[in-house]
Amino acid sequence: MGFMRFRGAELLARMSDDRIAEIKQSLVAHDLTPTTETSLHHAGVRCPLHLGTEAAVQEALGQLDVMAAVGVPYYMSCGTPGESLYETLFTVLREAAAYGAELGMTVTIKSHGGPAGTCHDLVRMVEIIDHPNFGIYLDPGNVIYFTGHSPLEGIDDVAPHVVAAIVKDEVSGERASVEIEPGTGDVPFEEVFGRLRAGGFTSGPVTVECLGGTDLEDTNRRAAVVRERVEGWLAG
C-alpha cells in the first residue's frame, strides 16, 4: 500500500530528460517506489479532452512515455463529467491501453463520477473500452461522493476487473466530506476488500488518498493508524 501526493512531481508529456532524471533521483533518495500517475481529463490538464481526440490521445501516449521512463506502472484516468467528451475519453483510453501494453504498464479509470460513477458504471466502462490492458482503480469513497450509491452495489460484478484501489472514506452522502480518516466514515472497507478478494483482487496498488489531518504531526499520526487499519482489511 502507499499514500497519494497531489502536486510537485506531475509526470507530463514531453517532460525533459533532466526533469525525469531529477524525479528518479528524488525517488531513490527518499526510498520511494511510485505506482500510479493520474490523468486529470476532467480538469483539462495532462490529457486535454476538450482539444479534441487526436490531441488528447497524443497527450496520453506522451504521458505514458514519461511514466515508463520514471518507472510508474499504473496510469489512472479520472474520466470526465462532460457527457459531450465521453466518446473522446473512450478513444483515449483504448489507445492508451494498447500503447500501455507495449510498455508493460496498466491503464485504468478511477471511480470519479460521470461514466465511472457506480460499480455498475465501471463494469460498462470495461465493456466499452474492451481491452485486456484496461482495468478499474476502485475508489469506494468516490462512489458515495459522486453518486450517493453504496460501493457494495455491483461490487461483485466489477471485482474481477479491479486492478488497484483507493482508500478514501466519505461521510454524510453525495458530495459530502472525504477529508476524514479512513475507517471513521460510511465506507464499509472490510466488506469492500473481502468481496474484492473473493472476486480475484489479490495484488495491485492500494493507495490512501485522504487522511483528514490538521497539521503535519496529526497527519503522520493518522497515516500510521490508517496503514495498520488497511493492512488488517487486506489480510481479511
Protein backbone atom coordinates (compact mmCIF):
# COMPACT_ATOMS: atom_id res chain seq x y z
CA MET A 1 0.00 0.00 0.00
CA GLY A 2 1.04 3.62 -0.39
CA PHE A 3 0.00 7.22 0.03
CA MET A 4 -1.03 9.71 -2.65
CA ARG A 5 0.62 13.03 -3.44
CA PHE A 6 -1.21 15.75 -5.34
CA ARG A 7 1.40 18.22 -6.52
CA GLY A 8 5.08 18.73 -7.07
CA ALA A 9 6.08 15.85 -9.35
CA GLU A 10 3.43 15.55 -12.06
CA LEU A 11 4.60 13.45 -14.97
CA LEU A 12 3.68 15.43 -18.05
CA ALA A 13 4.07 14.59 -21.72
CA ARG A 14 7.24 15.96 -23.30
CA MET A 15 8.95 16.32 -19.92
CA SER A 16 12.67 16.96 -20.31
CA ASP A 17 15.23 14.25 -19.70
CA ASP A 18 16.77 16.42 -16.98
CA ARG A 19 13.45 16.69 -15.11
CA ILE A 20 12.87 12.93 -15.45
CA ALA A 21 16.34 12.26 -14.03
CA GLU A 22 15.67 14.69 -11.17
CA ILE A 23 12.44 12.91 -10.24
CA LYS A 24 14.10 9.48 -10.38
CA GLN A 25 16.96 10.70 -8.17
CA SER A 26 14.48 12.12 -5.65
CA LEU A 27 12.59 8.82 -5.51
CA VAL A 28 15.82 6.92 -4.82
CA ALA A 29 16.97 9.46 -2.22
CA HIS A 30 13.70 9.11 -0.31
CA ASP A 31 13.40 5.33 -0.80
CA LEU A 32 10.07 5.67 -2.61
CA THR A 33 8.53 3.37 -5.19
CA PRO A 34 6.00 5.10 -7.47
CA THR A 35 2.94 3.10 -8.50
CA THR A 36 0.44 5.42 -10.15
CA GLU A 37 0.17 8.63 -12.15
CA THR A 38 -3.13 10.43 -12.64
CA SER A 39 -4.51 11.93 -15.83
CA LEU A 40 -6.99 14.63 -14.89
CA HIS A 41 -9.13 14.63 -18.02
CA HIS A 42 -11.93 16.39 -16.16
CA ALA A 43 -9.71 19.35 -15.29
CA GLY A 44 -8.36 19.79 -18.83
CA VAL A 45 -4.78 19.11 -17.79
CA ARG A 46 -2.41 16.24 -18.52
CA CYS A 47 -4.85 15.00 -21.16
CA PRO A 48 -6.96 17.84 -22.63
CA LEU A 49 -10.10 16.13 -23.93
CA HIS A 50 -11.59 19.49 -24.87
CA LEU A 51 -8.88 19.99 -27.50
CA GLY A 52 -10.14 17.03 -29.50
CA THR A 53 -9.47 13.33 -29.85
CA GLU A 54 -6.15 13.49 -31.67
CA ALA A 55 -4.59 15.98 -29.24
CA ALA A 56 -5.90 14.09 -26.21
CA VAL A 57 -4.58 10.75 -27.48
CA GLN A 58 -1.14 12.21 -28.18
CA GLU A 59 -1.02 13.77 -24.73
CA ALA A 60 -1.96 10.46 -23.10
CA LEU A 61 0.63 8.49 -25.05
CA GLY A 62 3.25 11.11 -24.26
CA GLN A 63 2.42 10.88 -20.59
CA LEU A 64 2.79 7.10 -20.77
CA ASP A 65 6.26 7.54 -22.29
CA VAL A 66 7.32 9.73 -19.37
CA MET A 67 5.79 7.33 -16.85
CA ALA A 68 7.73 4.46 -18.41
CA ALA A 69 10.95 6.47 -18.18
CA VAL A 70 10.36 7.15 -14.47
CA GLY A 71 9.14 3.62 -13.76
CA VAL A 72 5.46 4.21 -12.87
CA PRO A 73 3.42 1.12 -13.79
CA TYR A 74 -0.22 2.31 -13.40
CA TYR A 75 -1.96 5.05 -15.40
CA MET A 76 -5.14 6.27 -13.68
CA SER A 77 -7.71 8.30 -15.59
CA CYS A 78 -10.20 10.35 -13.60
CA GLY A 79 -12.63 10.38 -16.50
CA THR A 80 -14.73 13.45 -17.28
CA PRO A 81 -18.08 14.83 -16.08
CA GLY A 82 -18.76 16.27 -19.55
CA GLU A 83 -21.07 13.94 -21.45
CA SER A 84 -20.06 15.54 -24.75
CA LEU A 85 -16.49 14.32 -24.10
CA TYR A 86 -17.33 10.69 -23.28
CA GLU A 87 -16.53 9.33 -26.74
CA THR A 88 -13.20 11.18 -26.79
CA LEU A 89 -12.40 9.73 -23.36
CA PHE A 90 -13.25 6.21 -24.54
CA THR A 91 -10.96 6.57 -27.57
CA VAL A 92 -8.13 7.92 -25.43
CA LEU A 93 -8.42 5.00 -23.01
CA ARG A 94 -8.50 2.41 -25.82
CA GLU A 95 -5.38 3.89 -27.41
CA ALA A 96 -3.67 4.26 -24.03
CA ALA A 97 -4.49 0.67 -23.09
CA ALA A 98 -2.97 -0.64 -26.32
CA TYR A 99 0.15 1.52 -26.02
CA GLY A 100 0.49 0.81 -22.31
CA ALA A 101 0.51 -2.91 -23.06
CA GLU A 102 3.54 -2.37 -25.30
CA LEU A 103 5.29 -0.53 -22.45
CA GLY A 104 4.29 -3.03 -19.76
CA MET A 105 2.02 -0.51 -18.00
CA THR A 106 -1.58 -0.93 -16.84
CA VAL A 107 -4.21 1.64 -17.87
CA THR A 108 -7.14 2.22 -15.52
CA ILE A 109 -10.04 4.50 -14.74
CA LYS A 110 -10.88 5.61 -11.22
CA SER A 111 -14.36 5.84 -9.73
CA HIS A 112 -14.84 9.57 -10.31
CA GLY A 113 -18.40 10.26 -11.40
CA GLY A 114 -19.58 10.73 -14.97
CA PRO A 115 -19.26 7.46 -16.91
CA ALA A 116 -17.29 5.96 -13.98
CA GLY A 117 -19.66 6.67 -11.08
CA THR A 118 -21.12 3.47 -9.65
CA CYS A 119 -19.72 -0.05 -9.77
CA HIS A 120 -22.28 -0.83 -12.47
CA ASP A 121 -20.94 2.13 -14.48
CA LEU A 122 -17.41 0.79 -14.09
CA VAL A 123 -18.43 -2.59 -15.49
CA ARG A 124 -19.85 -0.77 -18.52
CA MET A 125 -16.56 1.09 -18.88
CA VAL A 126 -14.73 -2.23 -19.11
CA GLU A 127 -17.17 -3.37 -21.79
CA ILE A 128 -16.82 -0.10 -23.75
CA ILE A 129 -13.02 0.04 -23.71
CA ASP A 130 -12.82 -3.71 -24.39
CA HIS A 131 -9.07 -4.13 -23.99
CA PRO A 132 -7.27 -6.68 -21.76
CA ASN A 133 -4.86 -3.98 -20.54
CA PHE A 134 -7.67 -1.81 -19.17
CA GLY A 135 -8.84 -2.19 -15.58
CA ILE A 136 -10.58 -0.45 -12.71
CA TYR A 137 -8.94 1.61 -9.96
CA LEU A 138 -11.79 1.32 -7.49
CA ASP A 139 -12.45 4.25 -5.16
CA PRO A 140 -15.37 3.21 -2.94
CA GLY A 141 -15.46 6.59 -1.19
CA ASN A 142 -15.91 8.31 -4.53
CA VAL A 143 -18.80 6.02 -5.42
CA ILE A 144 -20.67 7.51 -2.47
CA TYR A 145 -19.36 11.05 -3.05
CA PHE A 146 -20.27 11.29 -6.72
CA THR A 147 -23.42 9.16 -6.88
CA GLY A 148 -24.84 8.66 -3.38
CA HIS A 149 -24.88 4.90 -4.01
CA SER A 150 -23.26 2.26 -1.87
CA PRO A 151 -19.95 0.91 -3.22
CA LEU A 152 -21.30 -2.56 -2.46
CA GLU A 153 -23.95 -2.21 -5.18
CA GLY A 154 -22.47 -4.14 -8.09
CA ILE A 155 -19.12 -4.73 -6.44
CA ASP A 156 -19.18 -8.46 -7.17
CA ASP A 157 -19.60 -7.68 -10.88
CA VAL A 158 -16.74 -5.19 -11.02
CA ALA A 159 -14.38 -7.10 -8.70
CA PRO A 160 -12.85 -9.29 -11.45
CA HIS A 161 -11.83 -6.11 -13.29
CA VAL A 162 -10.33 -4.28 -10.29
CA VAL A 163 -6.54 -3.99 -10.53
CA ALA A 164 -5.98 -1.29 -7.89
CA ALA A 165 -7.92 0.52 -5.17
CA ILE A 166 -8.15 3.85 -3.38
CA VAL A 167 -8.64 4.11 0.38
CA LYS A 168 -10.67 7.27 0.99
CA ASP A 169 -13.62 7.45 3.35
CA GLU A 170 -16.79 9.53 2.97
CA VAL A 171 -19.45 10.64 5.38
CA SER A 172 -22.97 12.08 5.03
CA GLY A 173 -23.77 11.07 1.46
CA GLU A 174 -23.44 12.54 -2.01
CA ARG A 175 -21.00 15.47 -2.39
CA ALA A 176 -20.24 15.45 1.33
CA SER A 177 -16.90 15.17 3.14
CA VAL A 178 -13.95 12.96 2.14
CA GLU A 179 -11.34 14.79 4.22
CA ILE A 180 -11.63 12.32 7.06
CA GLU A 181 -9.60 9.44 8.44
CA PRO A 182 -10.35 6.20 6.57
CA GLY A 183 -12.25 3.81 8.79
CA THR A 184 -14.26 6.53 10.55
CA GLY A 185 -16.88 7.20 7.85
CA ASP A 186 -19.50 5.38 5.81
CA VAL A 187 -17.33 3.21 3.53
CA PRO A 188 -17.51 -0.47 4.64
CA PHE A 189 -13.85 -1.12 3.83
CA GLU A 190 -13.64 -4.55 5.43
CA GLU A 191 -16.52 -5.84 3.31
CA VAL A 192 -15.28 -3.99 0.22
CA PHE A 193 -11.86 -5.65 0.37
CA GLY A 194 -13.34 -9.02 1.32
CA ARG A 195 -15.54 -9.01 -1.75
CA LEU A 196 -12.71 -7.76 -3.96
CA ARG A 197 -10.53 -10.64 -2.75
CA ALA A 198 -13.34 -13.06 -3.49
CA GLY A 199 -13.53 -11.60 -7.00
CA GLY A 200 -9.82 -12.08 -7.63
CA PHE A 201 -8.15 -8.86 -6.45
CA THR A 202 -5.09 -10.19 -4.64
CA SER A 203 -2.37 -7.80 -5.84
CA GLY A 204 -2.01 -4.27 -7.14
CA PRO A 205 -1.68 -0.80 -5.62
CA VAL A 206 -3.82 0.18 -2.65
CA THR A 207 -3.45 3.93 -2.28
CA VAL A 208 -4.53 6.08 0.67
CA GLU A 209 -5.79 9.40 -0.71
CA CYS A 210 -7.14 11.37 2.26
CA LEU A 211 -6.33 11.36 5.97
CA GLY A 212 -8.04 14.50 7.27
CA GLY A 213 -5.10 15.69 9.37
CA THR A 214 -4.97 19.19 10.84
CA ASP A 215 -1.18 19.58 10.74
CA LEU A 216 1.92 17.53 9.89
CA GLU A 217 2.09 15.79 13.27
CA ASP A 218 -1.58 14.86 13.18
CA THR A 219 -1.34 13.71 9.56
CA ASN A 220 1.65 11.46 10.33
CA ARG A 221 -0.17 10.02 13.34
CA ARG A 222 -3.22 9.26 11.23
CA ALA A 223 -1.04 7.76 8.48
CA ALA A 224 0.40 5.23 10.93
CA VAL A 225 -3.05 4.33 12.26
CA VAL A 226 -4.56 4.01 8.79
CA ARG A 227 -1.68 1.91 7.50
CA GLU A 228 -2.27 -0.64 10.25
CA ARG A 229 -6.01 -0.49 9.62
CA VAL A 230 -5.59 -1.05 5.86
CA GLU A 231 -3.21 -3.97 6.39
CA GLY A 232 -5.92 -5.57 8.50
CA TRP A 233 -8.56 -5.03 5.83
CA LEU A 234 -6.28 -6.53 3.19
CA ALA A 235 -5.42 -9.53 5.33
CA GLY A 236 -9.09 -10.32 5.90
